[in-house]
C-alpha atoms as a PDB file:
ATOM      1  CA  MET A   1       0.061   0.033  -0.010  1.00  0.00           C
ATOM      2  CA  LEU A   2       2.807   2.500   0.973  1.00  0.00           C
ATOM      3  CA  ALA A   3       4.617   1.599  -2.258  1.00  0.00           C
ATOM      4  CA  ALA A   4       1.622   2.256  -4.411  1.00  0.00           C
ATOM      5  CA  PHE A   5       0.948   5.594  -2.703  1.00  0.00           C
ATOM      6  CA  LEU A   6       4.589   6.744  -3.104  1.00  0.00           C
ATOM      7  CA  ILE A   7       4.853   5.751  -6.709  1.00  0.00           C
ATOM      8  CA  LEU A   8       1.644   7.555  -7.526  1.00  0.00           C
ATOM      9  CA  PHE A   9       2.821  10.622  -5.504  1.00  0.00           C
ATOM     10  CA  GLY A  10       6.118  10.510  -7.444  1.00  0.00           C
ATOM     11  CA  LEU A  11       4.479  10.240 -10.905  1.00  0.00           C
ATOM     12  CA  LEU A  12       2.129  13.100 -10.174  1.00  0.00           C
ATOM     13  CA  THR A  13       4.930  15.160  -8.890  1.00  0.00           C
ATOM     14  CA  ILE A  14       6.908  14.628 -12.137  1.00  0.00           C
ATOM     15  CA  LYS A  15       3.873  15.253 -14.218  1.00  0.00           C
ATOM     16  CA  GLU A  16       2.860  18.498 -12.532  1.00  0.00           C
ATOM     17  CA  GLY A  17       6.387  19.834 -12.220  1.00  0.00           C
ATOM     18  CA  GLY A  18       7.335  18.909 -15.771  1.00  0.00           C
ATOM     19  CA  SER A  19       4.205  20.482 -17.162  1.00  0.00           C
ATOM     20  CA  VAL A  20       5.120  23.828 -15.731  1.00  0.00           C
ATOM     21  CA  LEU A  21       8.839  23.630 -16.407  1.00  0.00           C
ATOM     22  CA  PHE A  22       8.817  22.223 -19.971  1.00  0.00           C
ATOM     23  CA  PHE A  23       5.603  21.837 -21.797  1.00  0.00           C
ATOM     24  CA  ASP A  24       2.330  23.519 -20.844  1.00  0.00           C
ATOM     25  CA  SER A  25       2.041  27.385 -20.916  1.00  0.00           C
ATOM     26  CA  THR A  26      -1.422  26.925 -19.366  1.00  0.00           C
ATOM     27  CA  ALA A  27       0.026  25.032 -16.452  1.00  0.00           C
ATOM     28  CA  LYS A  28       2.613  27.766 -16.093  1.00  0.00           C
ATOM     29  CA  ALA A  29       0.064  30.483 -16.015  1.00  0.00           C
ATOM     30  CA  GLU A  30      -2.064  28.441 -13.505  1.00  0.00           C
ATOM     31  CA  ALA A  31       0.938  27.888 -11.318  1.00  0.00           C
ATOM     32  CA  GLY A  32       0.956  31.669 -10.607  1.00  0.00           C
ATOM     33  CA  ASN A  33       3.865  32.916  -8.337  1.00  0.00           C
ATOM     34  CA  TYR A  34       5.664  29.641  -8.252  1.00  0.00           C
ATOM     35  CA  VAL A  35       9.108  29.574  -6.596  1.00  0.00           C
ATOM     36  CA  PRO A  36      11.634  28.249  -9.188  1.00  0.00           C
ATOM     37  CA  PHE A  37      13.905  26.505  -6.723  1.00  0.00           C
ATOM     38  CA  VAL A  38      10.895  24.758  -5.106  1.00  0.00           C
ATOM     39  CA  LEU A  39       9.581  23.702  -8.501  1.00  0.00           C
ATOM     40  CA  TRP A  40      12.770  22.316  -9.672  1.00  0.00           C
ATOM     41  CA  PHE A  41      13.433  20.503  -6.465  1.00  0.00           C
ATOM     42  CA  ASN A  42      10.018  18.851  -6.397  1.00  0.00           C
ATOM     43  CA  PHE A  43      10.390  17.837 -10.111  1.00  0.00           C
ATOM     44  CA  LEU A  44      13.789  16.153  -9.479  1.00  0.00           C
ATOM     45  CA  ALA A  45      12.636  14.731  -6.161  1.00  0.00           C
ATOM     46  CA  GLY A  46       9.721  12.936  -7.974  1.00  0.00           C
ATOM     47  CA  PHE A  47      12.278  10.520  -9.543  1.00  0.00           C
ATOM     48  CA  PHE A  48      13.612   9.747  -5.992  1.00  0.00           C
ATOM     49  CA  TYR A  49      10.037   9.098  -4.857  1.00  0.00           C
ATOM     50  CA  ILE A  50       9.665   6.514  -7.479  1.00  0.00           C
ATOM     51  CA  ALA A  51      13.053   4.978  -6.510  1.00  0.00           C
ATOM     52  CA  ALA A  52      11.918   4.876  -2.937  1.00  0.00           C
ATOM     53  CA  SER A  53       8.605   3.308  -3.907  1.00  0.00           C
ATOM     54  CA  ILE A  54      10.416   0.614  -5.783  1.00  0.00           C
ATOM     55  CA  GLY A  55      12.604  -0.011  -2.769  1.00  0.00           C
ATOM     56  CA  VAL A  56       9.516  -0.330  -0.538  1.00  0.00           C
ATOM     57  CA  PHE A  57       7.971  -2.861  -2.962  1.00  0.00           C
ATOM     58  CA  ILE A  58      11.121  -4.991  -3.041  1.00  0.00           C
ATOM     59  CA  SER A  59      11.791  -4.477   0.741  1.00  0.00           C
ATOM     60  CA  ALA A  60      15.332  -3.041   0.012  1.00  0.00           C
ATOM     61  CA  ILE A  61      17.079  -1.930   3.151  1.00  0.00           C
ATOM     62  CA  TRP A  62      18.386   1.217   1.347  1.00  0.00           C
ATOM     63  CA  THR A  63      14.826   2.538   1.249  1.00  0.00           C
ATOM     64  CA  ARG A  64      15.082   3.736   4.846  1.00  0.00           C
ATOM     65  CA  ARG A  65      18.081   5.873   4.071  1.00  0.00           C
ATOM     66  CA  LEU A  66      16.500   7.260   0.814  1.00  0.00           C
ATOM     67  CA  SER A  67      13.283   8.149   2.689  1.00  0.00           C
ATOM     68  CA  LEU A  68      15.296   9.887   5.377  1.00  0.00           C
ATOM     69  CA  ILE A  69      17.271  11.840   2.702  1.00  0.00           C
ATOM     70  CA  ILE A  70      14.048  12.768   0.944  1.00  0.00           C
ATOM     71  CA  ALA A  71      12.400  13.853   4.154  1.00  0.00           C
ATOM     72  CA  GLY A  72      15.535  15.837   5.224  1.00  0.00           C
ATOM     73  CA  SER A  73      16.018  17.543   1.942  1.00  0.00           C
ATOM     74  CA  SER A  74      12.311  18.482   1.687  1.00  0.00           C
ATOM     75  CA  ALA A  75      12.659  20.125   5.123  1.00  0.00           C
ATOM     76  CA  VAL A  76      15.578  22.106   3.973  1.00  0.00           C
ATOM     77  CA  ILE A  77      13.626  23.283   0.962  1.00  0.00           C
ATOM     78  CA  LEU A  78      10.688  24.143   3.089  1.00  0.00           C
ATOM     79  CA  ALA A  79      13.017  26.227   5.354  1.00  0.00           C
ATOM     80  CA  ALA A  80      14.410  27.964   2.321  1.00  0.00           C
ATOM     81  CA  LEU A  81      10.933  28.672   1.150  1.00  0.00           C
ATOM     82  CA  LEU A  82      10.077  30.221   4.514  1.00  0.00           C
ATOM     83  CA  VAL A  83      13.220  32.468   4.158  1.00  0.00           C
ATOM     84  CA  HIS A  84      12.129  33.402   0.641  1.00  0.00           C
ATOM     85  CA  ILE A  85       8.707  34.329   2.049  1.00  0.00           C
ATOM     86  CA  LEU A  86       9.986  36.294   4.929  1.00  0.00           C
ATOM     87  CA  ALA A  87      12.257  38.236   2.546  1.00  0.00           C
ATOM     88  CA  GLY A  88       9.210  39.283   0.632  1.00  0.00           C
ATOM     89  CA  GLY A  89       9.479  36.929  -2.244  1.00  0.00           C
ATOM     90  CA  LEU A  90       6.390  36.083  -4.237  1.00  0.00           C
ATOM     91  CA  TYR A  91       4.791  32.611  -3.631  1.00  0.00           C
ATOM     92  CA  GLU A  92       1.499  30.761  -3.665  1.00  0.00           C
ATOM     93  CA  THR A  93      -0.067  29.744  -0.330  1.00  0.00           C
ATOM     94  CA  ARG A  94      -0.601  26.248  -1.955  1.00  0.00           C
ATOM     95  CA  THR A  95       3.193  25.933  -2.402  1.00  0.00           C
ATOM     96  CA  LEU A  96       3.767  26.406   1.370  1.00  0.00           C
ATOM     97  CA  ILE A  97       1.030  23.857   2.139  1.00  0.00           C
ATOM     98  CA  ALA A  98       2.375  21.392  -0.560  1.00  0.00           C
ATOM     99  CA  MET A  99       5.875  21.541   0.962  1.00  0.00           C
ATOM    100  CA  THR A 100       4.651  21.082   4.393  1.00  0.00           C
ATOM    101  CA  LEU A 101       2.640  18.110   3.189  1.00  0.00           C
ATOM    102  CA  ARG A 102       5.660  16.573   1.439  1.00  0.00           C
ATOM    103  CA  VAL A 103       7.881  16.978   4.629  1.00  0.00           C
ATOM    104  CA  THR A 104       5.025  15.342   6.606  1.00  0.00           C
ATOM    105  CA  ILE A 105       4.470  12.457   4.172  1.00  0.00           C
ATOM    106  CA  TRP A 106       8.196  11.618   3.946  1.00  0.00           C
ATOM    107  CA  THR A 107       8.767  12.003   7.669  1.00  0.00           C
ATOM    108  CA  PHE A 108       5.909   9.516   8.155  1.00  0.00           C
ATOM    109  CA  ALA A 109       7.233   7.109   5.510  1.00  0.00           C
ATOM    110  CA  SER A 110      10.648   7.265   7.022  1.00  0.00           C
ATOM    111  CA  PHE A 111       9.188   6.432  10.466  1.00  0.00           C
ATOM    112  CA  LEU A 112       7.166   3.478   9.057  1.00  0.00           C
ATOM    113  CA  LEU A 113      10.173   2.148   7.123  1.00  0.00           C
ATOM    114  CA  THR A 114      12.405   2.437  10.173  1.00  0.00           C
ATOM    115  CA  LYS A 115       9.929   0.434  12.184  1.00  0.00           C
ATOM    116  CA  ASN A 116       9.400  -2.202   9.461  1.00  0.00           C
ATOM    117  CA  LYS A 117      10.516  -5.587  10.738  1.00  0.00           C
ATOM    118  CA  HIS A 118      10.942  -7.041   7.335  1.00  0.00           C
ATOM    119  CA  LEU A 119      13.442  -4.460   6.308  1.00  0.00           C
ATOM    120  CA  GLN A 120      15.255  -4.798   9.620  1.00  0.00           C
ATOM    121  CA  GLN A 121      15.463  -8.618   9.082  1.00  0.00           C
ATOM    122  CA  ARG A 122      16.840  -8.225   5.500  1.00  0.00           C
ATOM    123  CA  SER A 123      19.502  -5.821   6.730  1.00  0.00           C
ATOM    124  CA  HIS A 124      21.230  -8.726   8.607  1.00  0.00           C
ATOM    125  CA  THR A 125      21.503 -11.009   5.528  1.00  0.00           C
END
């Protein structure tokens, strides 16, 4: 279930970010005051989301570390976004909400993966 959610989350992240960055002028207009470094981070992170979901699916031990890296780097980007906002930079409220949600999802996924007994057992083989 977690793997399916994370792969869907990754695919949607890549699709939405890629639409704004590369293809769809309508998507760019609808994005409003997007913050470029957040958009690029999220687009690239989507590929790591997919890698992590594959790791969950195959019960790979490296998935724990990858999920922690994703959670931590997302938190750093959220902090940078807050600095951008406090400095008077333009942004969309939905960007702040989405980044908070991303940090929450990956922190929770990291917690679940750290507690996963199957991954812990495989780490000793």
